[in-house]
Amino acid sequence: MPTAKCGGCAKFLSPIDAAKCNQCGGLYHRACVCLPTTGFIKSTWRCPECEKNRVRDNKADTPVRTRTALVEEHMSSEELMDTSTCTAAAEDTPIKFSPDFTIELRLFKEELRKEFHRLHQEFLQLRTEMAEIKDTLKASDQRMDNLEARVGSLELKLEQKVQPDRDGLDDVIGELRCQLNDRDQELLLNDIEVSGIPECRDESALHLVKVLGTKLGVSFDERDVVHAERVGSTRRNHVLSTSSISADPAAQRPRSIVMGVQVGNQTK
């Protein structure tokens, strides 16, 4: 029955097949210290702990060679497989954690899971918003294209209508000018100018016109006369002289009387 533990894997072992250190007296599985499973072990053998603490002589000309390589030279493939099996068994030893550490690890995993879930939801929301922005931009581009097409169509129609409308406006302006000229001529036809009637102070042009009409045999009412007045500049201190002749005939000629009458009520 095993009564000692291996200094490498801390498992119980039989002292008969164990490798004993010559310095510290520790027992080891042969597989744990990379020794052949069968064969003689030198009495001067030392464990890895004692071997690493041994004082070196610093011989620079000695090639470096690991103990594992030395052992593997003398071991068969079956022995190497057995050694790896033991090492794997040692590595598969379950590690026991304290309850507090287990609870803390479980809480950390739960918090990490919640954080990943939150990030996943935010990522999905971000993808949804990006898709909405993309659709909005696409709709805006479509509206801009439609607006540009409508503006281009309106500009084309305007260019097509500008020239005909301009010609029509020129015709209308010419017609209006003709009408204004005709109206001016009609207004001039309603004015009667009488010249050669002597001018005196405080005279009534309307009375002179009525007397002149009576002399000419034309009767009309005062309501038919729009206006009656002398035209030209007023000559102040005008005295008729029969003994002297003025050098300016226009200065001796009286001003003309202009009378405007209504065409509808005019009689001749």
Protein backbone atom coordinates (compact mmCIF):
# COMPACT_ATOMS: atom_id res chain seq x y z
CA MET A 1 0.00 0.00 0.00
CA PRO A 2 1.49 3.36 -0.96
CA THR A 3 2.59 5.46 1.98
CA ALA A 4 4.35 8.38 0.21
CA LYS A 5 3.42 11.08 -2.28
CA CYS A 6 5.15 12.03 -5.50
CA GLY A 7 7.03 15.31 -5.30
CA GLY A 8 5.88 16.18 -8.83
CA CYS A 9 2.16 15.30 -9.12
CA ALA A 10 1.41 15.00 -5.37
CA LYS A 11 -0.15 11.55 -5.86
CA PHE A 12 0.55 8.49 -3.78
CA LEU A 13 3.19 6.12 -5.11
CA SER A 14 4.99 2.94 -4.23
CA PRO A 15 8.56 3.44 -2.93
CA ILE A 16 9.68 0.34 -4.79
CA ASP A 17 9.23 1.74 -8.28
CA ALA A 18 9.84 5.37 -7.28
CA ALA A 19 12.91 7.42 -8.04
CA LYS A 20 14.60 8.71 -4.90
CA CYS A 21 16.64 11.91 -4.86
CA ASN A 22 20.19 11.46 -3.55
CA GLN A 23 20.22 14.95 -2.00
CA CYS A 24 16.76 15.72 -0.56
CA GLY A 25 15.43 12.14 -0.37
CA GLY A 26 12.20 12.99 -2.18
CA LEU A 27 10.28 10.30 -4.08
CA TYR A 28 9.00 10.81 -7.63
CA HIS A 29 7.19 8.85 -10.27
CA ARG A 30 9.60 7.92 -12.98
CA ALA A 31 7.24 9.47 -15.54
CA CYS A 32 7.08 12.72 -13.56
CA VAL A 33 10.86 13.17 -13.68
CA CYS A 34 11.25 11.81 -17.21
CA LEU A 35 12.98 8.54 -16.26
CA PRO A 36 12.53 5.17 -17.96
CA THR A 37 9.83 3.00 -16.43
CA THR A 38 12.28 0.12 -16.22
CA GLY A 39 15.96 -0.05 -15.59
CA PHE A 40 18.47 0.92 -12.94
CA ILE A 41 18.54 4.40 -11.44
CA LYS A 42 21.90 5.77 -10.42
CA SER A 43 22.47 6.36 -6.77
CA THR A 44 23.71 9.88 -7.54
CA TRP A 45 20.42 10.88 -9.21
CA ARG A 46 18.95 14.18 -8.08
CA CYS A 47 15.45 15.55 -8.45
CA PRO A 48 14.79 18.56 -10.69
CA GLU A 49 14.55 20.92 -7.69
CA CYS A 50 17.93 19.92 -6.34
CA GLU A 51 19.42 19.83 -9.80
CA LYS A 52 18.44 23.40 -10.57
CA ASN A 53 19.93 24.60 -7.28
CA ARG A 54 23.26 22.88 -7.85
CA VAL A 55 26.23 25.18 -8.32
CA ARG A 56 27.47 25.15 -11.90
CA ASP A 57 31.10 25.21 -12.92
CA ASN A 58 30.35 27.43 -15.97
CA LYS A 59 32.09 25.20 -18.47
CA ALA A 60 31.47 27.13 -21.65
CA ASP A 61 32.70 24.31 -23.87
CA THR A 62 30.02 21.88 -22.63
CA PRO A 63 27.06 21.69 -25.05
CA VAL A 64 23.68 22.34 -23.53
CA ARG A 65 21.41 19.32 -23.53
CA THR A 66 18.18 19.00 -21.65
CA ARG A 67 17.40 16.12 -19.38
CA THR A 68 14.28 15.36 -21.38
CA ALA A 69 16.30 14.78 -24.51
CA LEU A 70 18.66 12.43 -22.63
CA VAL A 71 15.77 10.43 -21.27
CA GLU A 72 13.94 10.23 -24.60
CA GLU A 73 17.02 8.69 -26.20
CA HIS A 74 16.76 5.64 -23.92
CA MET A 75 12.94 5.37 -23.91
CA SER A 76 10.85 3.40 -26.35
CA SER A 77 7.70 4.70 -28.03
CA GLU A 78 5.49 2.72 -25.62
CA GLU A 79 7.25 4.27 -22.65
CA LEU A 80 6.85 7.74 -24.13
CA MET A 81 3.13 7.15 -24.61
CA ASP A 82 2.84 5.95 -21.01
CA THR A 83 4.63 9.07 -19.84
CA SER A 84 2.30 11.35 -21.82
CA THR A 85 -0.69 9.49 -20.40
CA CYS A 86 0.51 10.13 -16.88
CA THR A 87 1.17 13.76 -17.64
CA ALA A 88 -2.29 14.17 -19.17
CA ALA A 89 -3.81 12.49 -16.15
CA ALA A 90 -1.97 14.93 -13.92
CA GLU A 91 -3.20 17.83 -16.02
CA ASP A 92 -6.79 16.53 -15.99
CA THR A 93 -6.91 16.76 -12.24
CA PRO A 94 -9.97 18.93 -11.38
CA ILE A 95 -9.22 22.25 -9.73
CA LYS A 96 -11.48 23.13 -6.85
CA PHE A 97 -12.56 26.76 -6.44
CA SER A 98 -13.93 28.44 -3.37
CA PRO A 99 -17.72 29.07 -3.23
CA ASP A 100 -17.23 32.85 -3.18
CA PHE A 101 -15.10 32.71 -6.30
CA THR A 102 -17.70 30.51 -8.03
CA ILE A 103 -20.51 32.93 -7.16
CA GLU A 104 -18.46 35.90 -8.29
CA LEU A 105 -17.60 34.15 -11.56
CA ARG A 106 -21.26 33.30 -12.13
CA LEU A 107 -22.28 36.93 -11.49
CA PHE A 108 -19.59 38.15 -13.85
CA LYS A 109 -20.80 35.78 -16.56
CA GLU A 110 -24.38 36.94 -16.03
CA GLU A 111 -23.36 40.59 -16.20
CA LEU A 112 -21.29 39.92 -19.30
CA ARG A 113 -24.24 38.15 -20.92
CA LYS A 114 -26.52 41.12 -20.16
CA GLU A 115 -23.96 43.52 -21.57
CA PHE A 116 -23.68 41.51 -24.77
CA HIS A 117 -27.48 41.40 -25.03
CA ARG A 118 -27.67 45.20 -24.60
CA LEU A 119 -24.98 45.72 -27.22
CA HIS A 120 -26.83 43.38 -29.56
CA GLN A 121 -30.06 45.35 -29.12
CA GLU A 122 -28.26 48.65 -29.72
CA PHE A 123 -26.64 47.23 -32.82
CA LEU A 124 -30.03 46.09 -34.15
CA GLN A 125 -31.50 49.53 -33.42
CA LEU A 126 -28.55 51.17 -35.16
CA ARG A 127 -29.07 48.98 -38.21
CA THR A 128 -32.76 49.89 -38.26
CA GLU A 129 -31.98 53.61 -38.03
CA MET A 130 -29.36 53.34 -40.75
CA ALA A 131 -31.89 51.58 -42.99
CA GLU A 132 -34.44 54.36 -42.33
CA ILE A 133 -31.86 57.04 -43.11
CA LYS A 134 -30.96 55.22 -46.31
CA ASP A 135 -34.61 55.06 -47.37
CA THR A 136 -35.08 58.76 -46.53
CA LEU A 137 -32.05 59.75 -48.60
CA LYS A 138 -33.26 57.63 -51.48
CA ALA A 139 -36.71 59.28 -51.33
CA SER A 140 -35.08 62.74 -51.18
CA ASP A 141 -32.98 61.94 -54.23
CA GLN A 142 -36.09 60.80 -56.07
CA ARG A 143 -37.93 64.00 -55.16
CA MET A 144 -34.99 66.12 -56.26
CA ASP A 145 -34.88 64.30 -59.60
CA ASN A 146 -38.61 64.87 -60.08
CA LEU A 147 -38.25 68.54 -59.14
CA GLU A 148 -35.39 69.05 -61.59
CA ALA A 149 -37.42 67.37 -64.32
CA ARG A 150 -40.42 69.65 -63.63
CA VAL A 151 -38.25 72.78 -63.60
CA GLY A 152 -36.65 71.76 -66.87
CA SER A 153 -40.07 71.18 -68.43
CA LEU A 154 -41.34 74.58 -67.24
CA GLU A 155 -38.26 76.35 -68.57
CA LEU A 156 -38.72 74.67 -71.93
CA LYS A 157 -42.39 75.70 -72.09
CA LEU A 158 -41.49 79.26 -71.07
CA GLU A 159 -38.87 79.51 -73.80
CA GLN A 160 -41.40 78.27 -76.33
CA LYS A 161 -44.00 80.85 -75.27
CA VAL A 162 -41.76 83.89 -74.83
CA GLN A 163 -41.27 84.67 -78.54
CA PRO A 164 -44.96 84.43 -79.60
CA ASP A 165 -46.07 86.46 -76.58
CA ARG A 166 -43.49 89.13 -77.33
CA ASP A 167 -44.76 89.48 -80.87
CA GLY A 168 -48.31 89.75 -79.59
CA LEU A 169 -47.31 92.44 -77.08
CA ASP A 170 -45.65 94.45 -79.82
CA ASP A 171 -48.85 94.29 -81.85
CA VAL A 172 -50.96 95.40 -78.87
CA ILE A 173 -48.61 98.32 -78.15
CA GLY A 174 -48.76 99.44 -81.78
CA GLU A 175 -52.55 99.26 -81.76
CA LEU A 176 -52.76 101.30 -78.55
CA ARG A 177 -50.50 103.94 -80.02
CA CYS A 178 -52.75 104.22 -83.06
CA GLN A 179 -55.79 104.55 -80.84
CA LEU A 180 -54.12 107.32 -78.82
CA ASN A 181 -53.22 109.19 -81.98
CA ASP A 182 -56.78 108.87 -83.29
CA ARG A 183 -58.13 110.06 -79.96
CA ASP A 184 -55.87 113.09 -80.04
CA GLN A 185 -57.02 113.88 -83.56
CA GLU A 186 -60.66 113.58 -82.51
CA LEU A 187 -60.06 115.92 -79.61
CA LEU A 188 -58.44 118.43 -81.94
CA LEU A 189 -61.48 118.27 -84.24
CA ASN A 190 -63.69 119.44 -81.38
CA ASP A 191 -61.64 122.62 -80.87
CA ILE A 192 -62.50 125.78 -82.83
CA GLU A 193 -59.98 128.58 -83.10
CA VAL A 194 -61.20 132.11 -83.91
CA SER A 195 -58.67 134.84 -84.70
CA GLY A 196 -58.91 138.54 -85.56
CA ILE A 197 -61.41 139.51 -82.85
CA PRO A 198 -60.23 142.63 -81.02
CA GLU A 199 -59.22 142.07 -77.42
CA CYS A 200 -60.26 144.35 -74.60
CA ARG A 201 -59.96 144.28 -70.85
CA ASP A 202 -62.61 142.44 -68.76
CA GLU A 203 -64.10 140.75 -71.78
CA SER A 204 -65.99 137.42 -71.76
CA ALA A 205 -64.72 134.91 -74.27
CA LEU A 206 -67.91 132.86 -73.99
CA HIS A 207 -70.05 135.93 -74.78
CA LEU A 208 -67.87 136.74 -77.78
CA VAL A 209 -68.27 133.17 -79.04
CA LYS A 210 -72.06 133.32 -78.72
CA VAL A 211 -72.20 136.65 -80.57
CA LEU A 212 -69.94 135.25 -83.28
CA GLY A 213 -72.19 132.19 -83.64
CA THR A 214 -75.23 134.40 -83.97
CA LYS A 215 -73.50 136.45 -86.67
CA LEU A 216 -72.60 133.24 -88.51
CA GLY A 217 -76.09 131.82 -88.15
CA VAL A 218 -75.03 128.97 -85.81
CA SER A 219 -77.05 128.65 -82.64
CA PHE A 220 -75.75 126.61 -79.68
CA ASP A 221 -76.28 126.48 -75.97
CA GLU A 222 -73.73 127.40 -73.36
CA ARG A 223 -73.80 123.77 -72.17
CA ASP A 224 -72.35 122.74 -75.54
CA VAL A 225 -69.22 124.80 -74.89
CA VAL A 226 -66.58 122.93 -72.91
CA HIS A 227 -64.21 125.88 -72.65
CA ALA A 228 -63.62 129.23 -74.36
CA GLU A 229 -60.51 131.31 -73.77
CA ARG A 230 -57.81 133.29 -75.51
CA VAL A 231 -54.48 131.57 -76.01
CA GLY A 232 -51.06 133.13 -75.86
CA SER A 233 -49.28 135.47 -73.48
CA THR A 234 -51.21 138.39 -72.01
CA ARG A 235 -50.23 141.81 -73.34
CA ARG A 236 -50.32 144.36 -70.56
CA ASN A 237 -50.79 148.14 -71.21
CA HIS A 238 -51.87 147.35 -74.76
CA VAL A 239 -53.01 150.60 -76.52
CA LEU A 240 -54.20 150.65 -80.09
CA SER A 241 -52.63 153.43 -82.10
CA THR A 242 -53.80 154.45 -85.55
CA SER A 243 -51.18 157.09 -86.08
CA SER A 244 -48.17 154.81 -85.70
CA ILE A 245 -47.43 151.37 -87.04
CA SER A 246 -45.52 148.97 -84.82
CA ALA A 247 -42.49 147.31 -86.16
CA ASP A 248 -43.81 143.90 -84.91
CA PRO A 249 -47.07 142.90 -86.62
CA ALA A 250 -47.67 140.12 -84.03
CA ALA A 251 -47.67 142.71 -81.28
CA GLN A 252 -50.62 144.51 -82.95
CA ARG A 253 -52.58 141.25 -83.68
CA PRO A 254 -55.08 140.24 -80.96
CA ARG A 255 -54.85 136.80 -79.37
CA SER A 256 -56.94 134.00 -80.81
CA ILE A 257 -59.96 132.52 -79.05
CA VAL A 258 -60.07 128.73 -78.73
CA MET A 259 -63.44 127.14 -78.05
CA GLY A 260 -64.03 123.49 -77.23
CA VAL A 261 -67.46 122.05 -78.00
CA GLN A 262 -69.19 118.72 -77.42
CA VAL A 263 -69.50 116.72 -80.64
CA GLY A 264 -72.80 115.12 -79.75
CA ASN A 265 -74.56 118.43 -79.13
CA GLN A 266 -72.79 120.52 -81.81
CA THR A 267 -75.00 122.03 -84.55
CA LYS A 268 -73.86 123.95 -87.60
